[in-house]
Amino acid sequence: MAVTNMVEPLSRFQRAKAALERFAPVAWIRSIREIDRTTGLIQVPSLGWRFSEPHPELKEMFTSVVRDAPRNIAWFFGERRNSLIVPSRLIDEAGPDGEEYGALRTAISQSDQGFCIAASEDIELIIQAIAAQPAPPTAARLYVTQLAKSSAEELVCVVESLTGETRVGMVFRAVDAPDVEVRLTALHWYPPRPETRRRAPLAKVTLAGDGAGRISLKELLVSVPDH
C-alpha cells in the first residue's frame, strides 16, 4: 500500500509571520484565528506585530499594501509600540486605542458574517501582498550613546552602529522625531575594545540638518534609502 505524506497547510498566523520576517526579526505577533472554536463563526481578522527594532523605513510599504491590496472593505494601518492592520470599521466604532476591540469583534461576528467573510478574504490578500514585496536593503542604524556638541543645525555625538553599512553622505531619520532628517558629514570609528563587550563598534559622527539639536541621548537613527 502506498503511503501519501499529507502536509498540513500553514495557518494564517504562520503565513503572516513568514511574510513579516522577510523584512526584520519579529519580536511579537498576533493574528486573529479565522474561525471561532466555540461558535464556529468566522471572526473579524486583524494582524498585530512588533519588530525587534524600529523600522520606520517600512511604514510607506505597509501603508500602500493596506490601501491597495484589499478588494472588499476599507482597512487601517497604524504604528505605535506595535504595528496594527485592522478593518477601518473597528477603528471607527471602537476608536484607535482598541479598548473595545474584543467586544466589538464578537458583536460583529455574531451579527454580520457577510462583513467577516469579506474581511477574511481581504486579510489573505494583504498577507500575500506583504509576502510579495521586495525586501529593502538593510538600513543602517545608529544608536546615540553620548552627546558631545549640539546646535539647531549640527550634532556631534558618539554612536553605536547596530546594523548596515554607515558612510559619510548618508541621510538618517530620527525614530522619535520622524520629521528630522540629518546628513552624516564626518565619521571616525574608534578602535575595537573587546573588553567592553559591546555588540557593535563605536564611532564619533557629525550630523547636519535642520532640527539636529532635537536628537537626544539614546535616540535611534535609521538611514533613508537612496532614491
N, C-alpha and C. Protein backbone atom coordinates (compact mmCIF):
# COMPACT_ATOMS: atom_id res chain seq x y z
N MET A 1 0.84 -1.20 0.00
CA MET A 1 0.00 0.00 0.00
C MET A 1 0.88 1.25 0.00
N ALA A 2 0.60 2.16 -0.91
CA ALA A 2 1.37 3.39 -0.98
C ALA A 2 0.98 4.32 0.17
N VAL A 3 1.99 4.96 0.72
CA VAL A 3 1.76 5.90 1.82
C VAL A 3 1.92 7.31 1.28
N THR A 4 0.90 8.11 1.46
CA THR A 4 0.95 9.50 0.98
C THR A 4 1.24 10.43 2.14
N ASN A 5 2.26 11.26 1.99
CA ASN A 5 2.60 12.23 3.02
C ASN A 5 1.70 13.45 2.88
N MET A 6 0.88 13.66 3.87
CA MET A 6 -0.03 14.80 3.87
C MET A 6 0.63 15.96 4.61
N VAL A 7 0.81 17.06 3.94
CA VAL A 7 1.42 18.23 4.55
C VAL A 7 0.32 19.20 4.96
N GLU A 8 0.29 19.51 6.24
CA GLU A 8 -0.71 20.44 6.73
C GLU A 8 -0.44 21.84 6.17
N PRO A 9 -1.47 22.51 5.65
CA PRO A 9 -1.26 23.88 5.16
C PRO A 9 -0.89 24.80 6.31
N LEU A 10 -0.11 25.81 6.01
CA LEU A 10 0.27 26.78 7.03
C LEU A 10 -0.95 27.57 7.48
N SER A 11 -1.01 27.86 8.75
CA SER A 11 -2.09 28.68 9.28
C SER A 11 -1.90 30.13 8.86
N ARG A 12 -2.92 30.93 9.02
CA ARG A 12 -2.81 32.36 8.73
C ARG A 12 -1.71 33.00 9.57
N PHE A 13 -1.64 32.63 10.83
CA PHE A 13 -0.60 33.13 11.73
C PHE A 13 0.78 32.81 11.18
N GLN A 14 1.00 31.57 10.76
CA GLN A 14 2.31 31.17 10.26
C GLN A 14 2.66 31.89 8.96
N ARG A 15 1.67 32.06 8.10
CA ARG A 15 1.93 32.75 6.83
C ARG A 15 2.22 34.23 7.05
N ALA A 16 1.50 34.85 7.98
CA ALA A 16 1.76 36.26 8.29
C ALA A 16 3.14 36.43 8.90
N LYS A 17 3.51 35.55 9.81
CA LYS A 17 4.83 35.64 10.45
C LYS A 17 5.94 35.47 9.42
N ALA A 18 5.79 34.51 8.52
CA ALA A 18 6.80 34.29 7.49
C ALA A 18 6.93 35.51 6.58
N ALA A 19 5.79 36.13 6.23
CA ALA A 19 5.81 37.31 5.36
C ALA A 19 6.53 38.47 6.04
N LEU A 20 6.25 38.69 7.32
CA LEU A 20 6.85 39.81 8.04
C LEU A 20 8.34 39.58 8.29
N GLU A 21 8.73 38.34 8.54
CA GLU A 21 10.13 38.06 8.87
C GLU A 21 11.05 38.17 7.67
N ARG A 22 10.49 38.40 6.49
CA ARG A 22 11.34 38.69 5.33
C ARG A 22 11.99 40.06 5.47
N PHE A 23 11.41 40.91 6.30
CA PHE A 23 11.90 42.28 6.43
C PHE A 23 12.74 42.51 7.68
N ALA A 24 12.39 41.83 8.78
CA ALA A 24 13.11 42.04 10.03
C ALA A 24 12.65 40.98 11.03
N PRO A 25 13.48 40.70 12.06
CA PRO A 25 13.06 39.75 13.09
C PRO A 25 11.80 40.24 13.81
N VAL A 26 10.86 39.34 14.01
CA VAL A 26 9.59 39.67 14.67
C VAL A 26 9.69 39.29 16.15
N ALA A 27 9.53 40.26 17.03
CA ALA A 27 9.60 40.01 18.47
C ALA A 27 8.26 39.54 19.03
N TRP A 28 7.17 39.98 18.41
CA TRP A 28 5.82 39.63 18.89
C TRP A 28 4.86 39.73 17.71
N ILE A 29 3.89 38.82 17.66
CA ILE A 29 2.89 38.85 16.60
C ILE A 29 1.58 38.26 17.11
N ARG A 30 0.47 38.82 16.64
CA ARG A 30 -0.85 38.27 16.96
C ARG A 30 -1.72 38.34 15.71
N SER A 31 -2.29 37.20 15.35
CA SER A 31 -3.21 37.13 14.23
C SER A 31 -4.47 36.42 14.71
N ILE A 32 -5.62 37.08 14.54
CA ILE A 32 -6.88 36.51 15.00
C ILE A 32 -7.22 35.25 14.19
N ARG A 33 -7.57 34.19 14.90
CA ARG A 33 -7.95 32.94 14.25
C ARG A 33 -9.17 33.16 13.35
N GLU A 34 -9.17 32.49 12.18
CA GLU A 34 -10.25 32.71 11.22
C GLU A 34 -11.61 32.26 11.76
N ILE A 35 -11.64 31.08 12.38
CA ILE A 35 -12.89 30.52 12.87
C ILE A 35 -12.87 30.47 14.40
N ASP A 36 -13.91 30.98 15.03
CA ASP A 36 -14.04 30.89 16.48
C ASP A 36 -14.32 29.44 16.85
N ARG A 37 -13.47 28.87 17.70
CA ARG A 37 -13.60 27.45 18.03
C ARG A 37 -14.89 27.15 18.79
N THR A 38 -15.41 28.12 19.52
CA THR A 38 -16.61 27.89 20.32
C THR A 38 -17.88 27.99 19.49
N THR A 39 -17.96 29.05 18.69
CA THR A 39 -19.20 29.31 17.95
C THR A 39 -19.18 28.77 16.52
N GLY A 40 -17.98 28.54 15.98
CA GLY A 40 -17.86 28.11 14.59
C GLY A 40 -18.05 29.24 13.59
N LEU A 41 -18.13 30.49 14.09
CA LEU A 41 -18.32 31.65 13.22
C LEU A 41 -16.99 32.20 12.74
N ILE A 42 -17.00 32.78 11.54
CA ILE A 42 -15.83 33.50 11.04
C ILE A 42 -15.68 34.79 11.84
N GLN A 43 -14.45 35.06 12.29
CA GLN A 43 -14.18 36.22 13.12
C GLN A 43 -13.66 37.40 12.29
N VAL A 44 -13.80 38.59 12.82
CA VAL A 44 -13.20 39.77 12.20
C VAL A 44 -11.69 39.66 12.34
N PRO A 45 -10.93 39.65 11.25
CA PRO A 45 -9.48 39.45 11.35
C PRO A 45 -8.74 40.74 11.66
N SER A 46 -7.57 40.57 12.23
CA SER A 46 -6.63 41.68 12.39
C SER A 46 -5.24 41.07 12.53
N LEU A 47 -4.24 41.90 12.34
CA LEU A 47 -2.85 41.45 12.42
C LEU A 47 -2.05 42.50 13.18
N GLY A 48 -1.41 42.08 14.25
CA GLY A 48 -0.56 42.99 15.02
C GLY A 48 0.82 42.37 15.20
N TRP A 49 1.85 43.20 15.20
CA TRP A 49 3.21 42.67 15.37
C TRP A 49 4.15 43.78 15.86
N ARG A 50 5.31 43.34 16.32
CA ARG A 50 6.38 44.27 16.70
C ARG A 50 7.71 43.67 16.26
N PHE A 51 8.46 44.44 15.48
CA PHE A 51 9.79 44.02 15.10
C PHE A 51 10.75 44.20 16.29
N SER A 52 11.86 43.48 16.26
CA SER A 52 12.82 43.56 17.36
C SER A 52 13.47 44.94 17.45
N GLU A 53 13.48 45.70 16.33
CA GLU A 53 13.97 47.07 16.30
C GLU A 53 12.97 47.90 15.50
N PRO A 54 12.89 49.21 15.75
CA PRO A 54 12.01 50.05 14.92
C PRO A 54 12.47 50.04 13.47
N HIS A 55 11.52 50.05 12.56
CA HIS A 55 11.81 50.06 11.12
C HIS A 55 10.91 51.07 10.42
N PRO A 56 11.14 52.36 10.68
CA PRO A 56 10.28 53.38 10.06
C PRO A 56 10.36 53.40 8.54
N GLU A 57 11.44 52.85 7.98
CA GLU A 57 11.56 52.84 6.52
C GLU A 57 10.54 51.91 5.87
N LEU A 58 9.89 51.05 6.67
CA LEU A 58 8.90 50.13 6.12
C LEU A 58 7.48 50.69 6.16
N LYS A 59 7.29 51.81 6.82
CA LYS A 59 5.94 52.34 7.02
C LYS A 59 5.23 52.61 5.70
N GLU A 60 5.91 53.22 4.75
CA GLU A 60 5.29 53.55 3.47
C GLU A 60 4.85 52.29 2.73
N MET A 61 5.65 51.22 2.82
CA MET A 61 5.29 49.97 2.16
C MET A 61 4.02 49.38 2.76
N PHE A 62 3.95 49.31 4.09
CA PHE A 62 2.76 48.75 4.73
C PHE A 62 1.53 49.61 4.45
N THR A 63 1.71 50.91 4.45
CA THR A 63 0.59 51.81 4.17
C THR A 63 0.02 51.57 2.78
N SER A 64 0.88 51.41 1.79
CA SER A 64 0.42 51.21 0.42
C SER A 64 -0.21 49.83 0.25
N VAL A 65 0.35 48.81 0.90
CA VAL A 65 -0.23 47.47 0.80
C VAL A 65 -1.64 47.44 1.38
N VAL A 66 -1.81 48.05 2.56
CA VAL A 66 -3.13 48.04 3.22
C VAL A 66 -4.14 48.86 2.42
N ARG A 67 -3.66 49.85 1.70
CA ARG A 67 -4.55 50.66 0.86
C ARG A 67 -4.91 49.95 -0.44
N ASP A 68 -3.96 49.26 -1.06
CA ASP A 68 -4.15 48.78 -2.43
C ASP A 68 -4.53 47.30 -2.54
N ALA A 69 -4.13 46.46 -1.58
CA ALA A 69 -4.35 45.02 -1.72
C ALA A 69 -5.80 44.58 -1.49
N PRO A 70 -6.51 45.13 -0.49
CA PRO A 70 -7.88 44.64 -0.23
C PRO A 70 -8.84 44.97 -1.37
N ARG A 71 -9.89 44.16 -1.49
CA ARG A 71 -10.88 44.36 -2.55
C ARG A 71 -12.29 44.60 -2.01
N ASN A 72 -12.52 44.32 -0.74
CA ASN A 72 -13.88 44.31 -0.22
C ASN A 72 -14.22 45.46 0.72
N ILE A 73 -13.35 45.73 1.68
CA ILE A 73 -13.64 46.73 2.71
C ILE A 73 -12.43 47.64 2.89
N ALA A 74 -12.61 48.71 3.68
CA ALA A 74 -11.51 49.63 3.99
C ALA A 74 -10.72 49.10 5.18
N TRP A 75 -9.39 49.33 5.15
CA TRP A 75 -8.50 48.86 6.20
C TRP A 75 -7.66 49.99 6.76
N PHE A 76 -7.14 49.77 7.97
CA PHE A 76 -6.32 50.76 8.67
C PHE A 76 -4.97 50.13 9.02
N PHE A 77 -3.90 50.89 8.80
CA PHE A 77 -2.56 50.51 9.27
C PHE A 77 -2.06 51.60 10.19
N GLY A 78 -1.59 51.22 11.37
CA GLY A 78 -1.07 52.20 12.31
C GLY A 78 0.13 51.66 13.06
N GLU A 79 0.95 52.58 13.57
CA GLU A 79 2.14 52.21 14.31
C GLU A 79 2.20 52.97 15.63
N ARG A 80 2.35 52.23 16.70
CA ARG A 80 2.72 52.80 17.99
C ARG A 80 3.84 51.91 18.52
N ARG A 81 3.67 51.37 19.72
CA ARG A 81 4.66 50.39 20.17
C ARG A 81 4.60 49.16 19.26
N ASN A 82 3.40 48.79 18.88
CA ASN A 82 3.19 47.69 17.94
C ASN A 82 2.62 48.24 16.63
N SER A 83 2.75 47.46 15.57
CA SER A 83 2.11 47.78 14.30
C SER A 83 0.79 47.03 14.23
N LEU A 84 -0.20 47.63 13.54
CA LEU A 84 -1.54 47.05 13.52
C LEU A 84 -2.17 47.21 12.15
N ILE A 85 -2.73 46.12 11.65
CA ILE A 85 -3.56 46.13 10.45
C ILE A 85 -4.93 45.62 10.87
N VAL A 86 -5.97 46.43 10.67
CA VAL A 86 -7.30 46.10 11.17
C VAL A 86 -8.34 46.75 10.27
N PRO A 87 -9.51 46.14 10.12
CA PRO A 87 -10.57 46.80 9.35
C PRO A 87 -10.88 48.18 9.92
N SER A 88 -11.05 49.16 9.03
CA SER A 88 -11.33 50.52 9.48
C SER A 88 -12.59 50.60 10.32
N ARG A 89 -13.50 49.67 10.11
CA ARG A 89 -14.75 49.66 10.89
C ARG A 89 -14.47 49.56 12.39
N LEU A 90 -13.47 48.77 12.77
CA LEU A 90 -13.15 48.65 14.18
C LEU A 90 -12.62 49.96 14.74
N ILE A 91 -11.82 50.67 13.95
CA ILE A 91 -11.31 51.97 14.38
C ILE A 91 -12.45 52.96 14.51
N ASP A 92 -13.34 52.96 13.52
CA ASP A 92 -14.45 53.91 13.52
C ASP A 92 -15.40 53.70 14.69
N GLU A 93 -15.62 52.42 15.04
CA GLU A 93 -16.61 52.12 16.06
C GLU A 93 -16.03 51.94 17.46
N ALA A 94 -14.75 51.58 17.55
CA ALA A 94 -14.14 51.34 18.87
C ALA A 94 -13.06 52.35 19.21
N GLY A 95 -12.56 53.11 18.21
CA GLY A 95 -11.50 54.07 18.48
C GLY A 95 -10.13 53.47 18.26
N PRO A 96 -9.10 54.31 18.07
CA PRO A 96 -7.77 53.82 17.74
C PRO A 96 -7.07 53.08 18.87
N ASP A 97 -7.49 53.27 20.13
CA ASP A 97 -6.83 52.61 21.24
C ASP A 97 -7.21 51.14 21.37
N GLY A 98 -8.29 50.77 20.75
CA GLY A 98 -8.66 49.36 20.70
C GLY A 98 -9.16 48.77 21.99
N GLU A 99 -9.61 49.60 22.93
CA GLU A 99 -10.04 49.09 24.22
C GLU A 99 -11.28 48.20 24.10
N GLU A 100 -12.11 48.45 23.08
CA GLU A 100 -13.35 47.68 22.94
C GLU A 100 -13.29 46.72 21.76
N TYR A 101 -12.09 46.45 21.23
CA TYR A 101 -11.98 45.59 20.06
C TYR A 101 -12.60 44.22 20.30
N GLY A 102 -12.31 43.62 21.46
CA GLY A 102 -12.78 42.27 21.72
C GLY A 102 -14.29 42.16 21.68
N ALA A 103 -14.97 43.04 22.42
CA ALA A 103 -16.44 43.02 22.46
C ALA A 103 -17.03 43.35 21.10
N LEU A 104 -16.44 44.34 20.41
CA LEU A 104 -16.96 44.73 19.10
C LEU A 104 -16.74 43.61 18.09
N ARG A 105 -15.58 42.97 18.15
CA ARG A 105 -15.30 41.87 17.23
C ARG A 105 -16.33 40.75 17.40
N THR A 106 -16.64 40.44 18.65
CA THR A 106 -17.63 39.39 18.93
C THR A 106 -19.01 39.79 18.40
N ALA A 107 -19.38 41.05 18.64
CA ALA A 107 -20.69 41.52 18.19
C ALA A 107 -20.82 41.46 16.68
N ILE A 108 -19.78 41.90 15.97
CA ILE A 108 -19.82 41.88 14.50
C ILE A 108 -19.86 40.44 13.99
N SER A 109 -19.06 39.57 14.62
CA SER A 109 -19.04 38.17 14.19
C SER A 109 -20.42 37.53 14.33
N GLN A 110 -21.15 37.91 15.36
CA GLN A 110 -22.45 37.31 15.60
C GLN A 110 -23.55 37.92 14.73
N SER A 111 -23.37 39.18 14.32
CA SER A 111 -24.45 39.87 13.62
C SER A 111 -24.19 40.13 12.14
N ASP A 112 -22.94 40.02 11.69
CA ASP A 112 -22.61 40.42 10.33
C ASP A 112 -21.54 39.49 9.74
N GLN A 113 -21.94 38.25 9.47
CA GLN A 113 -21.00 37.31 8.89
C GLN A 113 -20.57 37.71 7.48
N GLY A 114 -21.42 38.45 6.78
CA GLY A 114 -21.03 38.93 5.45
C GLY A 114 -19.79 39.81 5.52
N PHE A 115 -19.76 40.70 6.51
CA PHE A 115 -18.59 41.56 6.70
C PHE A 115 -17.38 40.73 7.07
N CYS A 116 -17.57 39.75 7.95
CA CYS A 116 -16.45 38.92 8.39
C CYS A 116 -15.85 38.13 7.23
N ILE A 117 -16.70 37.61 6.37
CA ILE A 117 -16.22 36.86 5.20
C ILE A 117 -15.43 37.78 4.27
N ALA A 118 -15.96 38.98 4.04
CA ALA A 118 -15.27 39.95 3.18
C ALA A 118 -13.92 40.33 3.77
N ALA A 119 -13.89 40.56 5.09
CA ALA A 119 -12.64 40.94 5.75
C ALA A 119 -11.64 39.79 5.74
N SER A 120 -12.13 38.57 5.91
CA SER A 120 -11.26 37.40 5.89
C SER A 120 -10.60 37.24 4.52
N GLU A 121 -11.35 37.48 3.46
CA GLU A 121 -10.77 37.42 2.11
C GLU A 121 -9.70 38.50 1.95
N ASP A 122 -9.98 39.69 2.47
CA ASP A 122 -9.05 40.80 2.33
C ASP A 122 -7.74 40.57 3.08
N ILE A 123 -7.81 40.04 4.31
CA ILE A 123 -6.58 39.87 5.09
C ILE A 123 -5.65 38.88 4.40
N GLU A 124 -6.25 37.92 3.69
CA GLU A 124 -5.41 36.98 2.93
C GLU A 124 -4.69 37.71 1.80
N LEU A 125 -5.40 38.61 1.14
CA LEU A 125 -4.76 39.40 0.07
C LEU A 125 -3.67 40.30 0.63
N ILE A 126 -3.89 40.85 1.81
CA ILE A 126 -2.89 41.71 2.44
C ILE A 126 -1.63 40.92 2.78
N ILE A 127 -1.80 39.74 3.37
CA ILE A 127 -0.65 38.91 3.72
C ILE A 127 0.11 38.50 2.46
N GLN A 128 -0.63 38.13 1.41
CA GLN A 128 0.02 37.76 0.15
C GLN A 128 0.80 38.94 -0.42
N ALA A 129 0.23 40.14 -0.32
CA ALA A 129 0.91 41.33 -0.86
C ALA A 129 2.17 41.66 -0.06
N ILE A 130 2.12 41.50 1.25
CA ILE A 130 3.31 41.72 2.07
C ILE A 130 4.40 40.72 1.68
N ALA A 131 4.00 39.46 1.52
CA ALA A 131 4.97 38.43 1.17
C ALA A 131 5.59 38.67 -0.21
N ALA A 132 4.87 39.37 -1.09
CA ALA A 132 5.35 39.60 -2.45
C ALA A 132 6.22 40.84 -2.57
N GLN A 133 6.26 41.67 -1.53
CA GLN A 133 7.05 42.89 -1.61
C GLN A 133 8.54 42.58 -1.62
N PRO A 134 9.32 43.28 -2.44
CA PRO A 134 10.78 43.07 -2.40
C PRO A 134 11.34 43.56 -1.08
N ALA A 135 12.14 42.74 -0.44
CA ALA A 135 12.75 43.14 0.82
C ALA A 135 13.74 44.28 0.56
N PRO A 136 13.64 45.38 1.26
CA PRO A 136 14.54 46.52 1.02
C PRO A 136 15.94 46.22 1.53
N PRO A 137 16.94 46.93 1.03
CA PRO A 137 18.28 46.77 1.58
C PRO A 137 18.27 47.06 3.07
N THR A 138 19.16 46.39 3.79
CA THR A 138 19.24 46.61 5.23
C THR A 138 19.61 48.06 5.51
N ALA A 139 18.80 48.72 6.29
CA ALA A 139 19.08 50.11 6.64
C ALA A 139 20.20 50.17 7.67
N ALA A 140 21.00 51.22 7.60
CA ALA A 140 22.00 51.46 8.63
C ALA A 140 21.31 52.06 9.84
N ARG A 141 21.77 51.67 11.02
CA ARG A 141 21.17 52.15 12.26
C ARG A 141 22.24 52.67 13.18
N LEU A 142 22.03 53.87 13.69
CA LEU A 142 22.96 54.49 14.62
C LEU A 142 22.23 54.77 15.92
N TYR A 143 22.76 54.28 17.02
CA TYR A 143 22.16 54.48 18.34
C TYR A 143 23.04 55.47 19.11
N VAL A 144 22.48 56.62 19.49
CA VAL A 144 23.25 57.69 20.13
C VAL A 144 23.56 57.31 21.58
N THR A 145 24.85 57.21 21.91
CA THR A 145 25.26 56.83 23.26
C THR A 145 25.83 58.00 24.06
N GLN A 146 26.35 59.01 23.36
CA GLN A 146 26.88 60.21 24.03
C GLN A 146 26.63 61.43 23.16
N LEU A 147 26.37 62.56 23.79
CA LEU A 147 26.24 63.83 23.09
C LEU A 147 27.46 64.69 23.39
N ALA A 148 28.14 65.16 22.35
CA ALA A 148 29.34 65.96 22.55
C ALA A 148 29.07 67.44 22.33
N LYS A 149 28.41 67.77 21.23
CA LYS A 149 28.12 69.18 20.90
C LYS A 149 26.84 69.22 20.10
N SER A 150 25.99 70.20 20.42
CA SER A 150 24.70 70.24 19.75
C SER A 150 24.29 71.67 19.47
N SER A 151 23.74 71.88 18.27
CA SER A 151 23.12 73.15 17.91
C SER A 151 21.88 72.83 17.09
N ALA A 152 21.17 73.87 16.69
CA ALA A 152 19.93 73.64 15.95
C ALA A 152 20.17 72.91 14.64
N GLU A 153 21.37 73.08 14.06
CA GLU A 153 21.63 72.51 12.73
C GLU A 153 22.78 71.52 12.69
N GLU A 154 23.39 71.24 13.84
CA GLU A 154 24.52 70.31 13.84
C GLU A 154 24.59 69.57 15.16
N LEU A 155 24.95 68.29 15.09
CA LEU A 155 25.10 67.47 16.28
C LEU A 155 26.38 66.65 16.14
N VAL A 156 27.22 66.71 17.15
CA VAL A 156 28.39 65.85 17.24
C VAL A 156 28.14 64.87 18.38
N CYS A 157 28.23 63.59 18.08
CA CYS A 157 27.87 62.60 19.10
C CYS A 157 28.64 61.31 18.89
N VAL A 158 28.59 60.46 19.90
CA VAL A 158 29.15 59.11 19.81
C VAL A 158 27.98 58.16 19.61
N VAL A 159 28.11 57.29 18.63
CA VAL A 159 27.01 56.37 18.31
C VAL A 159 27.52 54.94 18.27
N GLU A 160 26.58 54.04 18.41
CA GLU A 160 26.84 52.62 18.24
C GLU A 160 26.16 52.20 16.96
N SER A 161 26.91 51.57 16.08
CA SER A 161 26.34 51.11 14.81
C SER A 161 25.69 49.75 15.04
N LEU A 162 24.39 49.65 14.80
CA LEU A 162 23.67 48.41 15.06
C LEU A 162 23.69 47.48 13.87
N THR A 163 23.31 47.97 12.70
CA THR A 163 23.27 47.14 11.50
C THR A 163 23.61 48.00 10.30
N GLY A 164 23.94 47.34 9.22
CA GLY A 164 24.13 48.04 7.96
C GLY A 164 25.49 48.71 7.86
N GLU A 165 25.73 49.29 6.71
CA GLU A 165 26.98 49.99 6.42
C GLU A 165 26.76 51.48 6.57
N THR A 166 27.60 52.12 7.37
CA THR A 166 27.49 53.56 7.60
C THR A 166 28.63 54.28 6.89
N ARG A 167 28.31 55.35 6.17
CA ARG A 167 29.34 56.10 5.45
C ARG A 167 28.96 57.57 5.39
N VAL A 168 29.95 58.40 5.18
CA VAL A 168 29.74 59.85 5.05
C VAL A 168 28.82 60.11 3.86
N GLY A 169 27.88 61.04 4.04
CA GLY A 169 26.95 61.40 2.98
C GLY A 169 25.57 60.78 3.15
N MET A 170 25.45 59.76 3.99
CA MET A 170 24.15 59.11 4.18
C MET A 170 23.21 60.03 4.95
N VAL A 171 21.92 59.93 4.62
CA VAL A 171 20.88 60.69 5.32
C VAL A 171 20.19 59.76 6.31
N PHE A 172 19.97 60.27 7.53
CA PHE A 172 19.32 59.50 8.58
C PHE A 172 18.08 60.23 9.08
N ARG A 173 17.12 59.44 9.54
CA ARG A 173 15.91 59.99 10.15
C ARG A 173 15.85 59.52 11.60
N ALA A 174 15.50 60.44 12.50
CA ALA A 174 15.38 60.10 13.91
C ALA A 174 14.05 59.41 14.16
N VAL A 175 14.08 58.23 14.80
CA VAL A 175 12.86 57.45 15.01
C VAL A 175 11.86 58.21 15.87
N ASP A 176 12.32 58.85 16.95
CA ASP A 176 11.40 59.55 17.84
C ASP A 176 11.09 60.97 17.38
N ALA A 177 11.71 61.39 16.29
CA ALA A 177 11.40 62.70 15.69
C ALA A 177 11.44 62.52 14.18
N PRO A 178 10.43 61.85 13.61
CA PRO A 178 10.48 61.43 12.21
C PRO A 178 10.56 62.57 11.21
N ASP A 179 10.27 63.80 11.64
CA ASP A 179 10.38 64.93 10.73
C ASP A 179 11.81 65.48 10.66
N VAL A 180 12.71 64.94 11.47
CA VAL A 180 14.10 65.39 11.48
C VAL A 180 14.94 64.47 10.59
N GLU A 181 15.52 65.04 9.55
CA GLU A 181 16.45 64.32 8.70
C GLU A 181 17.80 65.03 8.74
N VAL A 182 18.85 64.25 8.92
CA VAL A 182 20.20 64.82 9.02
C VAL A 182 21.14 64.04 8.11
N ARG A 183 22.17 64.73 7.65
CA ARG A 183 23.18 64.09 6.80
C ARG A 183 24.45 63.88 7.62
N LEU A 184 25.03 62.69 7.50
CA LEU A 184 26.26 62.38 8.21
C LEU A 184 27.42 63.03 7.45
N THR A 185 28.07 63.99 8.08
CA THR A 185 29.11 64.77 7.39
C THR A 185 30.52 64.40 7.84
N ALA A 186 30.68 63.71 8.97
CA ALA A 186 32.00 63.29 9.43
C ALA A 186 31.85 62.00 10.22
N LEU A 187 32.82 61.10 10.06
CA LEU A 187 32.74 59.78 10.68
C LEU A 187 34.12 59.32 11.09
N HIS A 188 34.26 58.95 12.37
CA HIS A 188 35.53 58.41 12.87
C HIS A 188 35.23 57.20 13.74
N TRP A 189 35.67 56.02 13.28
CA TRP A 189 35.46 54.80 14.07
C TRP A 189 36.55 54.68 15.12
N TYR A 190 36.15 54.39 16.34
CA TYR A 190 37.11 54.12 17.41
C TYR A 190 37.65 52.71 17.27
N PRO A 191 38.90 52.47 17.66
CA PRO A 191 39.44 51.11 17.60
C PRO A 191 38.60 50.17 18.47
N PRO A 192 38.42 48.93 18.03
CA PRO A 192 37.60 47.99 18.82
C PRO A 192 38.23 47.69 20.17
N ARG A 193 37.37 47.54 21.17
CA ARG A 193 37.83 47.21 22.52
C ARG A 193 37.03 46.01 23.01
N PRO A 194 37.54 44.81 22.78
CA PRO A 194 36.78 43.59 23.12
C PRO A 194 36.37 43.53 24.59
N GLU A 195 37.16 44.16 25.47
CA GLU A 195 36.85 44.05 26.89
C GLU A 195 35.56 44.77 27.27
N THR A 196 35.08 45.67 26.38
CA THR A 196 33.83 46.37 26.70
C THR A 196 32.61 45.51 26.42
N ARG A 197 32.79 44.45 25.61
CA ARG A 197 31.70 43.53 25.28
C ARG A 197 30.53 44.23 24.58
N ARG A 198 30.82 45.31 23.87
CA ARG A 198 29.75 45.99 23.14
C ARG A 198 29.35 45.15 21.94
N ARG A 199 28.05 45.21 21.57
CA ARG A 199 27.57 44.41 20.46
C ARG A 199 27.93 45.02 19.12
N ALA A 200 28.39 46.26 19.11
CA ALA A 200 28.74 46.91 17.84
C ALA A 200 29.80 47.97 18.13
N PRO A 201 30.58 48.35 17.10
CA PRO A 201 31.64 49.33 17.31
C PRO A 201 31.09 50.73 17.55
N LEU A 202 31.91 51.56 18.21
CA LEU A 202 31.54 52.94 18.48
C LEU A 202 32.19 53.87 17.47
N ALA A 203 31.49 54.96 17.16
CA ALA A 203 32.03 55.96 16.24
C ALA A 203 31.64 57.35 16.70
N LYS A 204 32.50 58.31 16.39
CA LYS A 204 32.17 59.72 16.59
C LYS A 204 31.69 60.26 15.25
N VAL A 205 30.49 60.85 15.25
CA VAL A 205 29.92 61.32 13.99
C VAL A 205 29.44 62.75 14.13
N THR A 206 29.39 63.44 13.00
CA THR A 206 28.78 64.77 12.93
C THR A 206 27.58 64.67 12.00
N LEU A 207 26.44 65.13 12.49
CA LEU A 207 25.19 65.09 11.74
C LEU A 207 24.70 66.51 11.52
N ALA A 208 24.41 66.87 10.28
CA ALA A 208 24.00 68.23 9.95
C ALA A 208 22.63 68.23 9.31
N GLY A 209 21.81 69.20 9.71
CA GLY A 209 20.48 69.32 9.13
C GLY A 209 19.55 70.06 10.07
N ASP A 210 18.50 70.65 9.52
CA ASP A 210 17.53 71.38 10.33
C ASP A 210 16.91 70.47 11.37
N GLY A 211 17.02 70.84 12.64
CA GLY A 211 16.45 70.03 13.71
C GLY A 211 17.44 69.08 14.34
N ALA A 212 18.71 69.15 13.96
CA ALA A 212 19.71 68.24 14.54
C ALA A 212 19.76 68.35 16.05
N GLY A 213 19.50 69.54 16.56
CA GLY A 213 19.54 69.75 18.01
C GLY A 213 18.44 69.02 18.76
N ARG A 214 17.44 68.52 18.05
CA ARG A 214 16.35 67.78 18.69
C ARG A 214 16.69 66.31 18.90
N ILE A 215 17.79 65.86 18.34
CA ILE A 215 18.21 64.48 18.53
C ILE A 215 18.79 64.34 19.92
N SER A 216 18.28 63.39 20.67
CA SER A 216 18.64 63.27 22.08
C SER A 216 19.45 62.00 22.34
N LEU A 217 19.93 61.89 23.57
CA LEU A 217 20.62 60.70 24.02
C LEU A 217 19.69 59.49 23.90
N LYS A 218 20.24 58.35 23.49
CA LYS A 218 19.51 57.09 23.30
C LYS A 218 18.54 57.16 22.12
N GLU A 219 18.74 58.11 21.23
CA GLU A 219 17.93 58.19 20.01
C GLU A 219 18.42 57.16 19.01
N LEU A 220 17.51 56.54 18.29
CA LEU A 220 17.85 55.63 17.21
C LEU A 220 17.67 56.35 15.89
N LEU A 221 18.71 56.35 15.06
CA LEU A 221 18.68 56.98 13.75
C LEU A 221 18.71 55.88 12.70
N VAL A 222 17.83 56.00 11.69
CA VAL A 222 17.73 54.98 10.64
C VAL A 222 17.99 55.65 9.30
N SER A 223 18.83 55.03 8.48
CA SER A 223 19.18 55.62 7.19
C SER A 223 17.99 55.67 6.26
N VAL A 224 17.92 56.72 5.46
CA VAL A 224 16.87 56.90 4.47
C VAL A 224 17.36 56.33 3.16
N PRO A 225 16.61 55.40 2.52
CA PRO A 225 17.07 54.79 1.28
C PRO A 225 17.33 55.83 0.19
N ASP A 226 18.36 55.59 -0.62
CA ASP A 226 18.64 56.46 -1.76
C ASP A 226 17.57 56.24 -2.81
N HIS A 227 17.11 57.31 -3.44
CA HIS A 227 16.08 57.22 -4.48
C HIS A 227 16.70 57.52 -5.84
